[in-house]
Amino acid sequence: MQLVTVRLDRIFDVVHGKHEKKAVTFFGFEYGRKKVFGVIGPGRQHLQAGAVLTACLRKENDWTTLAGWYNHSTGEVVVESAGYGLFSVIIESAVAAVPLLLGYHGSPSLLLVSLVMAALGYSSFCSLRVLRQVRAQLERVKVAPVPPLALAPGEEGANAVEGQHCVSAAGKPDRTP
């Protein structure tokens, strides 16, 4: 994962909606001479032009993989809520445990359902772990000094500091900045 700090020179196409049953904000923005389209932010966000964000991207330089951000203007850390994932872990684990609770009687279909639900529960658990790491990384940015932007306000050109990286799902840095 990668941390990128940008100043939102212009924000456009802001739409509040749902994606995968979760409330999100669809938007695009411009920084320097670069335009970014199709960004999905968690929750109902109210971004303003001129805001400085440090964003955590799941894939390097791919804004469609936005995991969350720290808004230097408001001091707010925005990351997807863990509630939906926690609910999934509980339900999937409970369904996976049914054969054990009822006593497994050799039914291959019941065993298959149990294994699939256990795998889904593990996947949801891993997603929660990544969200927790993203939040922790952005909280560290909150107390660190603001990284310099490539340009001062009003200048033209690229306006992002590249090369900052979040920790990976394994808890190790993806690469050194």
C-alpha atoms as a PDB file:
ATOM      1  CA  MET A   1       0.000   0.000   0.000  1.00  0.00           C
ATOM      2  CA  GLN A   2       1.113   3.541  -0.700  1.00  0.00           C
ATOM      3  CA  LEU A   3       0.631   6.864   1.067  1.00  0.00           C
ATOM      4  CA  VAL A   4       0.237   9.858  -1.258  1.00  0.00           C
ATOM      5  CA  THR A   5      -0.214  13.460  -0.133  1.00  0.00           C
ATOM      6  CA  VAL A   6      -2.141  15.728  -2.514  1.00  0.00           C
ATOM      7  CA  ARG A   7      -3.854  19.108  -2.480  1.00  0.00           C
ATOM      8  CA  LEU A   8      -7.306  18.884  -4.067  1.00  0.00           C
ATOM      9  CA  ASP A   9      -7.247  21.823  -6.463  1.00  0.00           C
ATOM     10  CA  ARG A  10     -10.681  20.969  -7.848  1.00  0.00           C
ATOM     11  CA  ILE A  11     -13.344  18.405  -6.904  1.00  0.00           C
ATOM     12  CA  PHE A  12     -16.027  17.264  -9.331  1.00  0.00           C
ATOM     13  CA  ASP A  13     -18.728  14.650  -9.915  1.00  0.00           C
ATOM     14  CA  VAL A  14     -19.443  14.150  -6.185  1.00  0.00           C
ATOM     15  CA  VAL A  15     -22.241  11.599  -5.704  1.00  0.00           C
ATOM     16  CA  HIS A  16     -23.292   9.923  -2.454  1.00  0.00           C
ATOM     17  CA  GLY A  17     -24.436   6.343  -2.956  1.00  0.00           C
ATOM     18  CA  LYS A  18     -23.874   2.680  -2.099  1.00  0.00           C
ATOM     19  CA  HIS A  19     -21.168   0.280  -3.221  1.00  0.00           C
ATOM     20  CA  GLU A  20     -21.195  -3.341  -2.049  1.00  0.00           C
ATOM     21  CA  LYS A  21     -24.016  -2.469   0.408  1.00  0.00           C
ATOM     22  CA  LYS A  22     -21.910   0.267   2.060  1.00  0.00           C
ATOM     23  CA  ALA A  23     -22.430   4.044   2.021  1.00  0.00           C
ATOM     24  CA  VAL A  24     -19.762   5.685  -0.140  1.00  0.00           C
ATOM     25  CA  THR A  25     -18.922   8.938  -1.905  1.00  0.00           C
ATOM     26  CA  PHE A  26     -18.053   8.737  -5.592  1.00  0.00           C
ATOM     27  CA  PHE A  27     -15.938  11.661  -6.785  1.00  0.00           C
ATOM     28  CA  GLY A  28     -13.179  12.909  -9.036  1.00  0.00           C
ATOM     29  CA  PHE A  29     -10.545  15.536  -8.398  1.00  0.00           C
ATOM     30  CA  GLU A  30      -7.716  17.461  -9.944  1.00  0.00           C
ATOM     31  CA  TYR A  31      -4.293  18.177  -8.495  1.00  0.00           C
ATOM     32  CA  GLY A  32      -1.711  20.110 -10.435  1.00  0.00           C
ATOM     33  CA  ARG A  33      -2.377  19.170 -14.057  1.00  0.00           C
ATOM     34  CA  LYS A  34      -3.542  15.648 -13.260  1.00  0.00           C
ATOM     35  CA  LYS A  35      -7.214  14.622 -13.164  1.00  0.00           C
ATOM     36  CA  VAL A  36      -8.375  11.546 -11.264  1.00  0.00           C
ATOM     37  CA  PHE A  37     -11.768   9.970 -12.008  1.00  0.00           C
ATOM     38  CA  GLY A  38     -13.827   7.200 -10.417  1.00  0.00           C
ATOM     39  CA  VAL A  39     -12.613   7.477  -6.833  1.00  0.00           C
ATOM     40  CA  ILE A  40     -14.749   5.752  -4.184  1.00  0.00           C
ATOM     41  CA  GLY A  41     -14.410   7.146  -0.664  1.00  0.00           C
ATOM     42  CA  PRO A  42     -15.881   5.461   2.414  1.00  0.00           C
ATOM     43  CA  GLY A  43     -19.033   7.020   3.922  1.00  0.00           C
ATOM     44  CA  ARG A  44     -20.744  10.291   3.022  1.00  0.00           C
ATOM     45  CA  GLN A  45     -17.844  12.712   2.702  1.00  0.00           C
ATOM     46  CA  HIS A  46     -17.883  16.456   2.120  1.00  0.00           C
ATOM     47  CA  LEU A  47     -14.562  17.300   0.502  1.00  0.00           C
ATOM     48  CA  GLN A  48     -13.600  20.865  -0.351  1.00  0.00           C
ATOM     49  CA  ALA A  49     -11.245  22.253  -2.955  1.00  0.00           C
ATOM     50  CA  GLY A  50      -7.935  23.239  -1.401  1.00  0.00           C
ATOM     51  CA  ALA A  51      -7.973  20.436   1.154  1.00  0.00           C
ATOM     52  CA  VAL A  52      -4.690  18.584   1.686  1.00  0.00           C
ATOM     53  CA  LEU A  53      -5.137  14.820   2.001  1.00  0.00           C
ATOM     54  CA  THR A  54      -2.740  11.992   2.724  1.00  0.00           C
ATOM     55  CA  ALA A  55      -4.404   9.014   1.051  1.00  0.00           C
ATOM     56  CA  CYS A  56      -3.634   5.329   1.488  1.00  0.00           C
ATOM     57  CA  LEU A  57      -3.925   3.464  -1.825  1.00  0.00           C
ATOM     58  CA  ARG A  58      -4.094  -0.338  -1.845  1.00  0.00           C
ATOM     59  CA  LYS A  59      -2.282  -0.445  -5.215  1.00  0.00           C
ATOM     60  CA  GLU A  60       0.449   2.020  -6.069  1.00  0.00           C
ATOM     61  CA  ASN A  61      -0.775   5.045  -8.068  1.00  0.00           C
ATOM     62  CA  ASP A  62      -4.282   3.536  -8.428  1.00  0.00           C
ATOM     63  CA  TRP A  63      -6.873   5.881  -6.915  1.00  0.00           C
ATOM     64  CA  THR A  64      -9.659   3.340  -7.500  1.00  0.00           C
ATOM     65  CA  THR A  65      -8.077   1.335  -4.655  1.00  0.00           C
ATOM     66  CA  LEU A  66      -8.393   4.137  -2.085  1.00  0.00           C
ATOM     67  CA  ALA A  67      -8.456   2.616   1.416  1.00  0.00           C
ATOM     68  CA  GLY A  68      -8.777   5.851   3.408  1.00  0.00           C
ATOM     69  CA  TRP A  69      -7.228   9.249   4.004  1.00  0.00           C
ATOM     70  CA  TYR A  70      -6.188  11.814   6.559  1.00  0.00           C
ATOM     71  CA  ASN A  71      -7.531  15.299   5.879  1.00  0.00           C
ATOM     72  CA  HIS A  72      -4.859  17.762   7.044  1.00  0.00           C
ATOM     73  CA  SER A  73      -7.393  20.607   6.794  1.00  0.00           C
ATOM     74  CA  THR A  74      -9.904  19.102   9.256  1.00  0.00           C
ATOM     75  CA  GLY A  75      -7.757  16.606  11.194  1.00  0.00           C
ATOM     76  CA  GLU A  76     -10.165  13.799  10.240  1.00  0.00           C
ATOM     77  CA  VAL A  77      -9.081  10.221   9.493  1.00  0.00           C
ATOM     78  CA  VAL A  78     -11.495   8.542   7.071  1.00  0.00           C
ATOM     79  CA  VAL A  79     -11.447   4.752   6.743  1.00  0.00           C
ATOM     80  CA  GLU A  80     -14.201   2.300   5.904  1.00  0.00           C
ATOM     81  CA  SER A  81     -16.257   1.271   8.933  1.00  0.00           C
ATOM     82  CA  ALA A  82     -15.399  -2.127  10.399  1.00  0.00           C
ATOM     83  CA  GLY A  83     -19.016  -2.825  11.402  1.00  0.00           C
ATOM     84  CA  TYR A  84     -20.052  -4.625   8.226  1.00  0.00           C
ATOM     85  CA  GLY A  85     -16.907  -6.776   8.201  1.00  0.00           C
ATOM     86  CA  LEU A  86     -17.286  -7.645  11.878  1.00  0.00           C
ATOM     87  CA  PHE A  87     -20.890  -8.704  11.273  1.00  0.00           C
ATOM     88  CA  SER A  88     -19.700 -10.896   8.376  1.00  0.00           C
ATOM     89  CA  VAL A  89     -17.027 -12.564  10.522  1.00  0.00           C
ATOM     90  CA  ILE A  90     -19.558 -13.387  13.236  1.00  0.00           C
ATOM     91  CA  ILE A  91     -22.219 -14.778  10.874  1.00  0.00           C
ATOM     92  CA  GLU A  92     -19.783 -16.735   8.695  1.00  0.00           C
ATOM     93  CA  SER A  93     -18.048 -18.231  11.741  1.00  0.00           C
ATOM     94  CA  ALA A  94     -21.373 -19.204  13.280  1.00  0.00           C
ATOM     95  CA  VAL A  95     -22.523 -20.955  10.093  1.00  0.00           C
ATOM     96  CA  ALA A  96     -19.142 -22.695   9.758  1.00  0.00           C
ATOM     97  CA  ALA A  97     -19.513 -24.039  13.308  1.00  0.00           C
ATOM     98  CA  VAL A  98     -22.969 -25.600  12.706  1.00  0.00           C
ATOM     99  CA  PRO A  99     -21.621 -29.077  11.734  1.00  0.00           C
ATOM    100  CA  LEU A 100     -19.505 -29.155  14.875  1.00  0.00           C
ATOM    101  CA  LEU A 101     -22.401 -28.106  17.085  1.00  0.00           C
ATOM    102  CA  LEU A 102     -24.858 -30.568  15.537  1.00  0.00           C
ATOM    103  CA  GLY A 103     -22.341 -33.364  15.292  1.00  0.00           C
ATOM    104  CA  TYR A 104     -20.965 -34.144  11.855  1.00  0.00           C
ATOM    105  CA  HIS A 105     -22.781 -37.192  10.402  1.00  0.00           C
ATOM    106  CA  GLY A 106     -20.887 -37.693   7.148  1.00  0.00           C
ATOM    107  CA  SER A 107     -22.880 -35.285   4.963  1.00  0.00           C
ATOM    108  CA  PRO A 108     -20.458 -34.009   2.300  1.00  0.00           C
ATOM    109  CA  SER A 109     -22.674 -31.039   1.405  1.00  0.00           C
ATOM    110  CA  LEU A 110     -22.829 -29.868   5.039  1.00  0.00           C
ATOM    111  CA  LEU A 111     -19.052 -30.190   5.295  1.00  0.00           C
ATOM    112  CA  LEU A 112     -18.599 -28.227   2.050  1.00  0.00           C
ATOM    113  CA  VAL A 113     -20.877 -25.414   3.263  1.00  0.00           C
ATOM    114  CA  SER A 114     -18.972 -25.324   6.535  1.00  0.00           C
ATOM    115  CA  LEU A 115     -15.599 -25.080   4.775  1.00  0.00           C
ATOM    116  CA  VAL A 116     -16.804 -22.342   2.409  1.00  0.00           C
ATOM    117  CA  MET A 117     -18.185 -20.296   5.307  1.00  0.00           C
ATOM    118  CA  ALA A 118     -14.964 -20.760   7.278  1.00  0.00           C
ATOM    119  CA  ALA A 119     -12.986 -19.477   4.268  1.00  0.00           C
ATOM    120  CA  LEU A 120     -15.309 -16.469   3.902  1.00  0.00           C
ATOM    121  CA  GLY A 121     -14.992 -15.741   7.615  1.00  0.00           C
ATOM    122  CA  TYR A 122     -11.206 -15.835   7.357  1.00  0.00           C
ATOM    123  CA  SER A 123     -11.300 -13.517   4.342  1.00  0.00           C
ATOM    124  CA  SER A 124     -13.499 -11.035   6.227  1.00  0.00           C
ATOM    125  CA  PHE A 125     -11.167 -11.226   9.217  1.00  0.00           C
ATOM    126  CA  CYS A 126      -8.161 -10.431   6.982  1.00  0.00           C
ATOM    127  CA  SER A 127     -10.028  -7.433   5.498  1.00  0.00           C
ATOM    128  CA  LEU A 128     -10.688  -6.114   9.005  1.00  0.00           C
ATOM    129  CA  ARG A 129      -7.026  -6.498   9.842  1.00  0.00           C
ATOM    130  CA  VAL A 130      -6.000  -4.459   6.781  1.00  0.00           C
ATOM    131  CA  LEU A 131      -8.517  -1.709   7.671  1.00  0.00           C
ATOM    132  CA  ARG A 132      -7.060  -1.579  11.163  1.00  0.00           C
ATOM    133  CA  GLN A 133      -3.532  -1.226   9.743  1.00  0.00           C
ATOM    134  CA  VAL A 134      -4.656   1.520   7.339  1.00  0.00           C
ATOM    135  CA  ARG A 135      -6.272   3.443  10.208  1.00  0.00           C
ATOM    136  CA  ALA A 136      -3.127   3.059  12.356  1.00  0.00           C
ATOM    137  CA  GLN A 137      -0.904   4.279   9.499  1.00  0.00           C
ATOM    138  CA  LEU A 138      -3.115   7.322   8.897  1.00  0.00           C
ATOM    139  CA  GLU A 139      -3.218   8.080  12.640  1.00  0.00           C
ATOM    140  CA  ARG A 140       0.602   8.154  12.565  1.00  0.00           C
ATOM    141  CA  VAL A 141       0.412  10.670   9.710  1.00  0.00           C
ATOM    142  CA  LYS A 142      -1.899  12.745  11.894  1.00  0.00           C
ATOM    143  CA  VAL A 143       0.829  13.374  14.471  1.00  0.00           C
ATOM    144  CA  ALA A 144       3.676  13.690  11.946  1.00  0.00           C
ATOM    145  CA  PRO A 145       4.506  17.011  10.319  1.00  0.00           C
ATOM    146  CA  VAL A 146       2.752  17.730   7.020  1.00  0.00           C
ATOM    147  CA  PRO A 147       4.899  16.416   4.166  1.00  0.00           C
ATOM    148  CA  PRO A 148       5.840  19.130   1.666  1.00  0.00           C
ATOM    149  CA  LEU A 149       3.786  19.286  -1.486  1.00  0.00           C
ATOM    150  CA  ALA A 150       5.598  19.470  -4.780  1.00  0.00           C
ATOM    151  CA  LEU A 151       4.286  22.995  -5.376  1.00  0.00           C
ATOM    152  CA  ALA A 152       3.077  25.947  -3.390  1.00  0.00           C
ATOM    153  CA  PRO A 153      -0.584  27.002  -3.815  1.00  0.00           C
ATOM    154  CA  GLY A 154      -1.215  28.682  -7.153  1.00  0.00           C
ATOM    155  CA  GLU A 155       1.699  27.073  -8.999  1.00  0.00           C
ATOM    156  CA  GLU A 156       1.174  24.698 -11.913  1.00  0.00           C
ATOM    157  CA  GLY A 157       2.390  21.137 -12.366  1.00  0.00           C
ATOM    158  CA  ALA A 158       2.357  17.929 -10.386  1.00  0.00           C
ATOM    159  CA  ASN A 159       1.173  18.373  -6.815  1.00  0.00           C
ATOM    160  CA  ALA A 160       1.855  15.103  -4.994  1.00  0.00           C
ATOM    161  CA  VAL A 161       4.601  13.617  -2.907  1.00  0.00           C
ATOM    162  CA  GLU A 162       5.059  10.074  -4.192  1.00  0.00           C
ATOM    163  CA  GLY A 163       6.918   7.173  -2.657  1.00  0.00           C
ATOM    164  CA  GLN A 164       5.456   7.048   0.840  1.00  0.00           C
ATOM    165  CA  HIS A 165       4.216   3.564   1.694  1.00  0.00           C
ATOM    166  CA  CYS A 166       1.833   1.985   4.179  1.00  0.00           C
ATOM    167  CA  VAL A 167       2.533  -1.327   5.823  1.00  0.00           C
ATOM    168  CA  SER A 168       1.491  -4.456   3.940  1.00  0.00           C
ATOM    169  CA  ALA A 169      -1.133  -6.917   5.171  1.00  0.00           C
ATOM    170  CA  ALA A 170       1.736  -8.870   6.764  1.00  0.00           C
ATOM    171  CA  GLY A 171       2.676  -5.813   8.827  1.00  0.00           C
ATOM    172  CA  LYS A 172       5.934  -5.197   6.932  1.00  0.00           C
ATOM    173  CA  PRO A 173       6.694  -2.153   4.789  1.00  0.00           C
ATOM    174  CA  ASP A 174       6.101  -2.777   1.082  1.00  0.00           C
ATOM    175  CA  ARG A 175       9.365  -0.959   0.335  1.00  0.00           C
ATOM    176  CA  THR A 176      11.435   1.705   1.949  1.00  0.00           C
ATOM    177  CA  PRO A 177      10.650   5.287   0.946  1.00  0.00           C
END
